[in-house]
């Protein structure tokens, strides 16, 4: 596979940004025949609150796991944005959900078919994947949420100075009802739309501090009649750690059910 570091300008953010990209590399059966016409299936893989676009490469073997599947992996930087269109900061929800896929498909041979696109993340990125995936059901066929809930805590909680400061720079006095930040509402709207829905893989360690948020999401999803998201929840022993995420990103890739191909590791 190829590991490509990209720097480019984001119109949504009004600044240059960085993104790590893993691209599959097919084995050649004979003489080189020029550029492939293959459009690769793509996983948009989101980082957590304390990390950046390089972390999945540094702390897991994501390249090795994706290689035999012929799966491209796009890992953008989102800083401390909570993948939101921030009141005092960048429009990271718009950037990740709308602009980034278009830019990546302009740079690389990535499929734009819904069935070929997936989004996942850990912690802040797990909640971000749920938010982006459930608000854009036409764009993704599967969502992976690791060590997070669809909403990590109450975004309107201003009970401590730190929480009030975070709320203010993310949302200020914005009413979140019915917006992309209303993730459970987005799930209900998605079900009511009658459109094809993404499958959801959700996992959180039984000793993880964020488990209450994960369990609230579990209760919501399992309360939807007919299991519209083909929701799978796995609770394994573990804390908020890379040992857990390295294991469970592999579980998510298995959940996707992709066939292995003739690709370089």
C-alpha atoms as a PDB file:
ATOM      1  CA  UNK A   1       0.000   0.000   0.000  1.00  0.00           C
ATOM      2  CA  UNK A   2       0.948   3.624  -0.346  1.00  0.00           C
ATOM      3  CA  UNK A   3       0.982   6.051   2.594  1.00  0.00           C
ATOM      4  CA  UNK A   4       0.490   9.609   1.373  1.00  0.00           C
ATOM      5  CA  UNK A   5       0.656  12.778   3.433  1.00  0.00           C
ATOM      6  CA  UNK A   6      -1.497  15.515   1.882  1.00  0.00           C
ATOM      7  CA  UNK A   7      -1.558  19.243   2.584  1.00  0.00           C
ATOM      8  CA  UNK A   8      -4.193  21.290   0.798  1.00  0.00           C
ATOM      9  CA  UNK A   9      -6.496  24.277   1.195  1.00  0.00           C
ATOM     10  CA  UNK A  10      -9.951  23.846   2.706  1.00  0.00           C
ATOM     11  CA  UNK A  11     -12.488  26.391   1.565  1.00  0.00           C
ATOM     12  CA  UNK A  12     -14.823  25.429   4.430  1.00  0.00           C
ATOM     13  CA  UNK A  13     -12.140  26.177   7.015  1.00  0.00           C
ATOM     14  CA  UNK A  14     -10.402  28.979   5.152  1.00  0.00           C
ATOM     15  CA  UNK A  15      -6.964  27.504   5.798  1.00  0.00           C
ATOM     16  CA  UNK A  16      -4.517  24.780   4.816  1.00  0.00           C
ATOM     17  CA  UNK A  17      -5.124  21.375   6.367  1.00  0.00           C
ATOM     18  CA  UNK A  18      -3.406  17.994   6.604  1.00  0.00           C
ATOM     19  CA  UNK A  19      -4.694  14.510   5.928  1.00  0.00           C
ATOM     20  CA  UNK A  20      -3.095  11.046   5.884  1.00  0.00           C
ATOM     21  CA  UNK A  21      -4.212   8.672   3.128  1.00  0.00           C
ATOM     22  CA  UNK A  22      -3.578   4.958   2.662  1.00  0.00           C
ATOM     23  CA  UNK A  23      -4.104   3.693  -0.890  1.00  0.00           C
ATOM     24  CA  UNK A  24      -4.254   0.044  -1.954  1.00  0.00           C
ATOM     25  CA  UNK A  25      -1.587  -1.281  -4.291  1.00  0.00           C
ATOM     26  CA  UNK A  26      -2.573  -4.172  -6.535  1.00  0.00           C
ATOM     27  CA  UNK A  27      -0.084  -6.891  -7.357  1.00  0.00           C
ATOM     28  CA  UNK A  28       0.907  -6.906 -11.020  1.00  0.00           C
ATOM     29  CA  UNK A  29       0.528 -10.135 -12.958  1.00  0.00           C
ATOM     30  CA  UNK A  30       2.790  -9.005 -15.782  1.00  0.00           C
ATOM     31  CA  UNK A  31       4.128  -5.840 -17.400  1.00  0.00           C
ATOM     32  CA  UNK A  32       2.935  -2.553 -15.962  1.00  0.00           C
ATOM     33  CA  UNK A  33      -0.212  -1.545 -17.831  1.00  0.00           C
ATOM     34  CA  UNK A  34      -0.654   2.024 -16.629  1.00  0.00           C
ATOM     35  CA  UNK A  35      -2.959   3.563 -14.085  1.00  0.00           C
ATOM     36  CA  UNK A  36      -5.728   1.363 -12.750  1.00  0.00           C
ATOM     37  CA  UNK A  37      -9.337   2.280 -13.437  1.00  0.00           C
ATOM     38  CA  UNK A  38     -10.382   0.823 -10.088  1.00  0.00           C
ATOM     39  CA  UNK A  39     -12.293   3.147  -7.787  1.00  0.00           C
ATOM     40  CA  UNK A  40     -11.377   2.077  -4.263  1.00  0.00           C
ATOM     41  CA  UNK A  41     -13.708   1.498  -1.371  1.00  0.00           C
ATOM     42  CA  UNK A  42     -12.915   4.105   1.287  1.00  0.00           C
ATOM     43  CA  UNK A  43     -12.929   4.340   5.069  1.00  0.00           C
ATOM     44  CA  UNK A  44     -12.928   7.820   6.603  1.00  0.00           C
ATOM     45  CA  UNK A  45     -11.215   7.236   9.952  1.00  0.00           C
ATOM     46  CA  UNK A  46     -11.512   9.928  12.630  1.00  0.00           C
ATOM     47  CA  UNK A  47      -9.222  10.657  15.578  1.00  0.00           C
ATOM     48  CA  UNK A  48     -10.039  11.443  19.190  1.00  0.00           C
ATOM     49  CA  UNK A  49      -9.862  14.625  21.234  1.00  0.00           C
ATOM     50  CA  UNK A  50      -6.183  14.437  22.202  1.00  0.00           C
ATOM     51  CA  UNK A  51      -4.862  13.236  18.833  1.00  0.00           C
ATOM     52  CA  UNK A  52      -4.314  14.218  15.205  1.00  0.00           C
ATOM     53  CA  UNK A  53      -4.372  12.783  11.682  1.00  0.00           C
ATOM     54  CA  UNK A  54      -1.243  10.670  12.261  1.00  0.00           C
ATOM     55  CA  UNK A  55      -2.415   8.762  15.319  1.00  0.00           C
ATOM     56  CA  UNK A  56      -4.071   5.750  13.694  1.00  0.00           C
ATOM     57  CA  UNK A  57      -0.856   5.104  11.769  1.00  0.00           C
ATOM     58  CA  UNK A  58       1.324   5.493  14.859  1.00  0.00           C
ATOM     59  CA  UNK A  59      -0.710   3.505  17.394  1.00  0.00           C
ATOM     60  CA  UNK A  60      -2.354   0.741  15.306  1.00  0.00           C
ATOM     61  CA  UNK A  61      -1.540  -1.389  12.268  1.00  0.00           C
ATOM     62  CA  UNK A  62      -4.399   0.073  10.229  1.00  0.00           C
ATOM     63  CA  UNK A  63      -2.357  -0.086   7.012  1.00  0.00           C
ATOM     64  CA  UNK A  64      -1.721  -3.786   7.477  1.00  0.00           C
ATOM     65  CA  UNK A  65      -5.370  -4.444   8.328  1.00  0.00           C
ATOM     66  CA  UNK A  66      -6.727  -2.526   5.324  1.00  0.00           C
ATOM     67  CA  UNK A  67      -4.199  -3.803   2.765  1.00  0.00           C
ATOM     68  CA  UNK A  68      -5.695  -7.217   1.887  1.00  0.00           C
ATOM     69  CA  UNK A  69      -9.148  -5.657   1.599  1.00  0.00           C
ATOM     70  CA  UNK A  70      -8.114  -3.170  -1.082  1.00  0.00           C
ATOM     71  CA  UNK A  71      -9.508  -0.471   1.185  1.00  0.00           C
ATOM     72  CA  UNK A  72      -8.377   3.154   1.030  1.00  0.00           C
ATOM     73  CA  UNK A  73      -8.249   4.928   4.393  1.00  0.00           C
ATOM     74  CA  UNK A  74      -8.572   8.713   4.762  1.00  0.00           C
ATOM     75  CA  UNK A  75      -7.503  10.163   8.125  1.00  0.00           C
ATOM     76  CA  UNK A  76      -8.131  13.919   8.439  1.00  0.00           C
ATOM     77  CA  UNK A  77      -7.127  16.333  11.182  1.00  0.00           C
ATOM     78  CA  UNK A  78     -10.004  17.886  13.111  1.00  0.00           C
ATOM     79  CA  UNK A  79      -8.231  19.306  16.185  1.00  0.00           C
ATOM     80  CA  UNK A  80     -10.556  19.919  19.189  1.00  0.00           C
ATOM     81  CA  UNK A  81     -13.572  20.604  17.000  1.00  0.00           C
ATOM     82  CA  UNK A  82     -15.851  17.725  18.082  1.00  0.00           C
ATOM     83  CA  UNK A  83     -16.435  17.493  14.313  1.00  0.00           C
ATOM     84  CA  UNK A  84     -18.774  20.472  14.667  1.00  0.00           C
ATOM     85  CA  UNK A  85     -19.346  23.684  12.787  1.00  0.00           C
ATOM     86  CA  UNK A  86     -17.919  25.638  15.687  1.00  0.00           C
ATOM     87  CA  UNK A  87     -19.333  28.904  16.969  1.00  0.00           C
ATOM     88  CA  UNK A  88     -15.780  30.143  17.574  1.00  0.00           C
ATOM     89  CA  UNK A  89     -13.645  28.130  15.206  1.00  0.00           C
ATOM     90  CA  UNK A  90     -13.783  26.246  11.949  1.00  0.00           C
ATOM     91  CA  UNK A  91     -16.687  24.573  10.158  1.00  0.00           C
ATOM     92  CA  UNK A  92     -15.327  21.078  10.729  1.00  0.00           C
ATOM     93  CA  UNK A  93     -18.625  19.256  10.260  1.00  0.00           C
ATOM     94  CA  UNK A  94     -19.007  20.798   6.811  1.00  0.00           C
ATOM     95  CA  UNK A  95     -15.359  20.168   5.998  1.00  0.00           C
ATOM     96  CA  UNK A  96     -15.305  16.485   6.965  1.00  0.00           C
ATOM     97  CA  UNK A  97     -18.779  15.537   5.743  1.00  0.00           C
ATOM     98  CA  UNK A  98     -18.990  17.543   2.513  1.00  0.00           C
ATOM     99  CA  UNK A  99     -15.724  19.032   1.312  1.00  0.00           C
ATOM    100  CA  UNK A 100     -13.171  16.373   2.242  1.00  0.00           C
ATOM    101  CA  UNK A 101     -14.707  13.482   0.237  1.00  0.00           C
ATOM    102  CA  UNK A 102     -14.948  15.681  -2.860  1.00  0.00           C
ATOM    103  CA  UNK A 103     -11.325  16.797  -2.522  1.00  0.00           C
ATOM    104  CA  UNK A 104     -10.049  13.269  -1.894  1.00  0.00           C
ATOM    105  CA  UNK A 105     -11.900  11.933  -4.954  1.00  0.00           C
ATOM    106  CA  UNK A 106     -10.304  14.668  -7.001  1.00  0.00           C
ATOM    107  CA  UNK A 107      -6.836  13.632  -5.826  1.00  0.00           C
ATOM    108  CA  UNK A 108      -7.223   9.831  -5.736  1.00  0.00           C
ATOM    109  CA  UNK A 109      -9.254   7.044  -7.433  1.00  0.00           C
ATOM    110  CA  UNK A 110     -11.849   6.703  -4.668  1.00  0.00           C
ATOM    111  CA  UNK A 111     -15.374   5.448  -5.240  1.00  0.00           C
ATOM    112  CA  UNK A 112     -18.294   7.809  -4.710  1.00  0.00           C
ATOM    113  CA  UNK A 113     -20.808   4.965  -4.393  1.00  0.00           C
ATOM    114  CA  UNK A 114     -22.615   4.803  -1.070  1.00  0.00           C
ATOM    115  CA  UNK A 115     -21.977   1.071  -0.723  1.00  0.00           C
ATOM    116  CA  UNK A 116     -18.220   1.674  -1.052  1.00  0.00           C
ATOM    117  CA  UNK A 117     -17.901   4.326   1.664  1.00  0.00           C
ATOM    118  CA  UNK A 118     -17.643   3.901   5.421  1.00  0.00           C
ATOM    119  CA  UNK A 119     -16.897   6.166   8.390  1.00  0.00           C
ATOM    120  CA  UNK A 120     -15.508   5.290  11.823  1.00  0.00           C
ATOM    121  CA  UNK A 121     -13.637   6.796  14.731  1.00  0.00           C
ATOM    122  CA  UNK A 122     -12.713   6.572  18.390  1.00  0.00           C
ATOM    123  CA  UNK A 123     -13.860   8.678  21.333  1.00  0.00           C
ATOM    124  CA  UNK A 124     -14.496  12.201  19.944  1.00  0.00           C
ATOM    125  CA  UNK A 125     -14.075  10.635  16.510  1.00  0.00           C
ATOM    126  CA  UNK A 126     -16.552   7.859  17.315  1.00  0.00           C
ATOM    127  CA  UNK A 127     -19.208  10.435  18.157  1.00  0.00           C
ATOM    128  CA  UNK A 128     -18.125  12.357  15.053  1.00  0.00           C
ATOM    129  CA  UNK A 129     -18.590   9.265  12.894  1.00  0.00           C
ATOM    130  CA  UNK A 130     -22.096   8.753  14.280  1.00  0.00           C
ATOM    131  CA  UNK A 131     -22.981  12.406  13.739  1.00  0.00           C
ATOM    132  CA  UNK A 132     -21.642  12.558  10.200  1.00  0.00           C
ATOM    133  CA  UNK A 133     -22.889   9.118   9.198  1.00  0.00           C
ATOM    134  CA  UNK A 134     -26.432   9.538  10.530  1.00  0.00           C
ATOM    135  CA  UNK A 135     -26.815  13.005   9.015  1.00  0.00           C
ATOM    136  CA  UNK A 136     -25.511  11.828   5.627  1.00  0.00           C
ATOM    137  CA  UNK A 137     -27.076   8.411   5.109  1.00  0.00           C
ATOM    138  CA  UNK A 138     -26.751   8.769   1.339  1.00  0.00           C
ATOM    139  CA  UNK A 139     -22.957   8.891   1.672  1.00  0.00           C
ATOM    140  CA  UNK A 140     -22.037   5.915   3.906  1.00  0.00           C
ATOM    141  CA  UNK A 141     -23.130   2.291   4.117  1.00  0.00           C
ATOM    142  CA  UNK A 142     -21.546   1.577   7.514  1.00  0.00           C
ATOM    143  CA  UNK A 143     -20.582   3.477  10.671  1.00  0.00           C
ATOM    144  CA  UNK A 144     -18.068   2.409  13.308  1.00  0.00           C
ATOM    145  CA  UNK A 145     -18.179   3.983  16.778  1.00  0.00           C
ATOM    146  CA  UNK A 146     -15.446   2.977  19.231  1.00  0.00           C
ATOM    147  CA  UNK A 147     -15.378   4.055  22.885  1.00  0.00           C
ATOM    148  CA  UNK A 148     -18.019   6.728  22.433  1.00  0.00           C
ATOM    149  CA  UNK A 149     -21.713   7.408  22.284  1.00  0.00           C
ATOM    150  CA  UNK A 150     -23.590   9.083  19.478  1.00  0.00           C
ATOM    151  CA  UNK A 151     -23.301  12.079  21.804  1.00  0.00           C
ATOM    152  CA  UNK A 152     -20.555  12.079  24.439  1.00  0.00           C
ATOM    153  CA  UNK A 153     -22.364  13.524  27.419  1.00  0.00           C
ATOM    154  CA  UNK A 154     -24.824  16.397  27.196  1.00  0.00           C
ATOM    155  CA  UNK A 155     -23.641  19.135  24.788  1.00  0.00           C
ATOM    156  CA  UNK A 156     -25.755  21.626  26.748  1.00  0.00           C
ATOM    157  CA  UNK A 157     -24.053  20.784  30.055  1.00  0.00           C
ATOM    158  CA  UNK A 158     -22.417  23.946  31.445  1.00  0.00           C
ATOM    159  CA  UNK A 159     -22.233  22.706  35.037  1.00  0.00           C
ATOM    160  CA  UNK A 160     -18.497  23.392  35.414  1.00  0.00           C
ATOM    161  CA  UNK A 161     -16.265  26.199  34.084  1.00  0.00           C
ATOM    162  CA  UNK A 162     -14.475  23.780  31.724  1.00  0.00           C
ATOM    163  CA  UNK A 163     -17.730  22.435  30.299  1.00  0.00           C
ATOM    164  CA  UNK A 164     -19.165  25.926  29.889  1.00  0.00           C
ATOM    165  CA  UNK A 165     -16.025  27.081  28.073  1.00  0.00           C
ATOM    166  CA  UNK A 166     -16.148  24.076  25.720  1.00  0.00           C
ATOM    167  CA  UNK A 167     -19.871  24.532  25.097  1.00  0.00           C
ATOM    168  CA  UNK A 168     -19.409  28.227  24.332  1.00  0.00           C
ATOM    169  CA  UNK A 169     -16.607  27.815  21.796  1.00  0.00           C
ATOM    170  CA  UNK A 170     -18.389  24.927  20.101  1.00  0.00           C
ATOM    171  CA  UNK A 171     -22.025  26.085  20.135  1.00  0.00           C
ATOM    172  CA  UNK A 172     -22.399  29.407  22.003  1.00  0.00           C
ATOM    173  CA  UNK A 173     -26.177  30.083  22.200  1.00  0.00           C
ATOM    174  CA  UNK A 174     -27.073  28.015  19.134  1.00  0.00           C
ATOM    175  CA  UNK A 175     -30.245  25.913  19.490  1.00  0.00           C
ATOM    176  CA  UNK A 176     -29.092  22.391  18.584  1.00  0.00           C
ATOM    177  CA  UNK A 177     -32.580  20.889  18.251  1.00  0.00           C
ATOM    178  CA  UNK A 178     -33.089  19.480  14.778  1.00  0.00           C
ATOM    179  CA  UNK A 179     -29.541  20.311  13.651  1.00  0.00           C
ATOM    180  CA  UNK A 180     -26.726  17.937  12.756  1.00  0.00           C
ATOM    181  CA  UNK A 181     -25.770  18.042  16.462  1.00  0.00           C
ATOM    182  CA  UNK A 182     -29.098  16.429  17.354  1.00  0.00           C
ATOM    183  CA  UNK A 183     -27.768  12.964  16.509  1.00  0.00           C
ATOM    184  CA  UNK A 184     -30.638  10.909  17.936  1.00  0.00           C
ATOM    185  CA  UNK A 185     -32.999  13.180  16.029  1.00  0.00           C
ATOM    186  CA  UNK A 186     -30.937  12.609  12.893  1.00  0.00           C
ATOM    187  CA  UNK A 187     -31.301   8.842  13.402  1.00  0.00           C
ATOM    188  CA  UNK A 188     -35.090   9.176  13.682  1.00  0.00           C
ATOM    189  CA  UNK A 189     -35.236  11.384  10.601  1.00  0.00           C
ATOM    190  CA  UNK A 190     -33.130   8.851   8.716  1.00  0.00           C
ATOM    191  CA  UNK A 191     -35.526   6.043   9.635  1.00  0.00           C
ATOM    192  CA  UNK A 192     -38.528   8.140   8.638  1.00  0.00           C
ATOM    193  CA  UNK A 193     -36.959   8.972   5.268  1.00  0.00           C
ATOM    194  CA  UNK A 194     -37.440   5.442   4.008  1.00  0.00           C
ATOM    195  CA  UNK A 195     -33.996   5.531   2.397  1.00  0.00           C
ATOM    196  CA  UNK A 196     -31.321   2.821   2.770  1.00  0.00           C
ATOM    197  CA  UNK A 197     -29.633   3.164   6.147  1.00  0.00           C
ATOM    198  CA  UNK A 198     -26.023   2.546   7.194  1.00  0.00           C
ATOM    199  CA  UNK A 199     -25.235  -0.450   9.365  1.00  0.00           C
ATOM    200  CA  UNK A 200     -23.704   0.469  12.723  1.00  0.00           C
ATOM    201  CA  UNK A 201     -20.931  -1.288  14.654  1.00  0.00           C
ATOM    202  CA  UNK A 202     -20.551   0.060  18.208  1.00  0.00           C
ATOM    203  CA  UNK A 203     -18.099  -1.029  20.899  1.00  0.00           C
ATOM    204  CA  UNK A 204     -16.962   0.275  24.275  1.00  0.00           C
ATOM    205  CA  UNK A 205     -14.822  -1.197  27.028  1.00  0.00           C
ATOM    206  CA  UNK A 206     -16.609  -2.238  30.197  1.00  0.00           C
ATOM    207  CA  UNK A 207     -14.169  -0.185  32.298  1.00  0.00           C
ATOM    208  CA  UNK A 208     -14.156   2.859  30.014  1.00  0.00           C
ATOM    209  CA  UNK A 209     -15.100   6.190  31.619  1.00  0.00           C
ATOM    210  CA  UNK A 210     -17.242   6.978  28.575  1.00  0.00           C
ATOM    211  CA  UNK A 211     -19.348   3.824  28.971  1.00  0.00           C
ATOM    212  CA  UNK A 212     -22.471   5.704  30.226  1.00  0.00           C
ATOM    213  CA  UNK A 213     -22.635   7.646  26.939  1.00  0.00           C
ATOM    214  CA  UNK A 214     -22.157   4.429  24.965  1.00  0.00           C
ATOM    215  CA  UNK A 215     -24.922   2.692  26.912  1.00  0.00           C
ATOM    216  CA  UNK A 216     -27.357   5.570  26.320  1.00  0.00           C
ATOM    217  CA  UNK A 217     -26.728   5.180  22.589  1.00  0.00           C
ATOM    218  CA  UNK A 218     -27.111   1.403  22.859  1.00  0.00           C
ATOM    219  CA  UNK A 219     -30.475   1.795  24.609  1.00  0.00           C
ATOM    220  CA  UNK A 220     -31.659   4.247  21.949  1.00  0.00           C
ATOM    221  CA  UNK A 221     -30.593   2.057  19.016  1.00  0.00           C
ATOM    222  CA  UNK A 222     -31.987  -1.136  20.493  1.00  0.00           C
ATOM    223  CA  UNK A 223     -35.271   0.680  21.184  1.00  0.00           C
ATOM    224  CA  UNK A 224     -35.859   1.444  17.506  1.00  0.00           C
ATOM    225  CA  UNK A 225     -38.481  -0.939  16.094  1.00  0.00           C
ATOM    226  CA  UNK A 226     -37.179  -3.429  13.568  1.00  0.00           C
ATOM    227  CA  UNK A 227     -33.445  -2.763  14.100  1.00  0.00           C
ATOM    228  CA  UNK A 228     -33.273  -0.373  11.107  1.00  0.00           C
ATOM    229  CA  UNK A 229     -29.482   0.162  11.391  1.00  0.00           C
ATOM    230  CA  UNK A 230     -28.614  -3.545  11.779  1.00  0.00           C
ATOM    231  CA  UNK A 231     -27.009  -2.349  14.997  1.00  0.00           C
ATOM    232  CA  UNK A 232     -24.246  -4.437  16.591  1.00  0.00           C
ATOM    233  CA  UNK A 233     -22.911  -3.613  20.053  1.00  0.00           C
ATOM    234  CA  UNK A 234     -19.875  -5.319  21.571  1.00  0.00           C
ATOM    235  CA  UNK A 235     -18.883  -4.815  25.202  1.00  0.00           C
ATOM    236  CA  UNK A 236     -15.479  -6.266  26.014  1.00  0.00           C
ATOM    237  CA  UNK A 237     -13.200  -5.799  29.019  1.00  0.00           C
ATOM    238  CA  UNK A 238     -11.092  -2.692  28.457  1.00  0.00           C
ATOM    239  CA  UNK A 239     -10.474   0.968  29.148  1.00  0.00           C
ATOM    240  CA  UNK A 240     -10.059   4.059  26.952  1.00  0.00           C
ATOM    241  CA  UNK A 241      -6.867   2.790  25.334  1.00  0.00           C
ATOM    242  CA  UNK A 242      -5.101   1.979  22.088  1.00  0.00           C
ATOM    243  CA  UNK A 243      -5.014  -1.696  23.006  1.00  0.00           C
ATOM    244  CA  UNK A 244      -8.814  -1.641  22.813  1.00  0.00           C
ATOM    245  CA  UNK A 245      -8.975   0.430  19.616  1.00  0.00           C
ATOM    246  CA  UNK A 246      -6.328  -1.592  17.798  1.00  0.00           C
ATOM    247  CA  UNK A 247      -8.363  -4.729  18.473  1.00  0.00           C
ATOM    248  CA  UNK A 248     -11.772  -3.274  17.669  1.00  0.00           C
ATOM    249  CA  UNK A 249     -10.884  -1.458  14.459  1.00  0.00           C
ATOM    250  CA  UNK A 250     -10.127  -4.962  13.198  1.00  0.00           C
ATOM    251  CA  UNK A 251     -13.572  -6.066  14.391  1.00  0.00           C
ATOM    252  CA  UNK A 252     -15.124  -3.172  12.480  1.00  0.00           C
ATOM    253  CA  UNK A 253     -13.273  -4.105   9.297  1.00  0.00           C
ATOM    254  CA  UNK A 254     -14.573  -7.671   9.681  1.00  0.00           C
ATOM    255  CA  UNK A 255     -18.064  -6.229  10.205  1.00  0.00           C
ATOM    256  CA  UNK A 256     -17.801  -4.570   6.775  1.00  0.00           C
ATOM    257  CA  UNK A 257     -17.605  -7.998   5.152  1.00  0.00           C
ATOM    258  CA  UNK A 258     -15.160  -6.975   2.426  1.00  0.00           C
ATOM    259  CA  UNK A 259     -13.566  -9.647   0.285  1.00  0.00           C
ATOM    260  CA  UNK A 260      -9.808  -9.947   0.245  1.00  0.00           C
ATOM    261  CA  UNK A 261      -8.032  -9.243  -3.042  1.00  0.00           C
ATOM    262  CA  UNK A 262      -4.603  -9.477  -4.643  1.00  0.00           C
ATOM    263  CA  UNK A 263      -2.991  -6.499  -2.959  1.00  0.00           C
ATOM    264  CA  UNK A 264       0.449  -5.734  -1.515  1.00  0.00           C
ATOM    265  CA  UNK A 265       0.644  -5.633   2.267  1.00  0.00           C
END
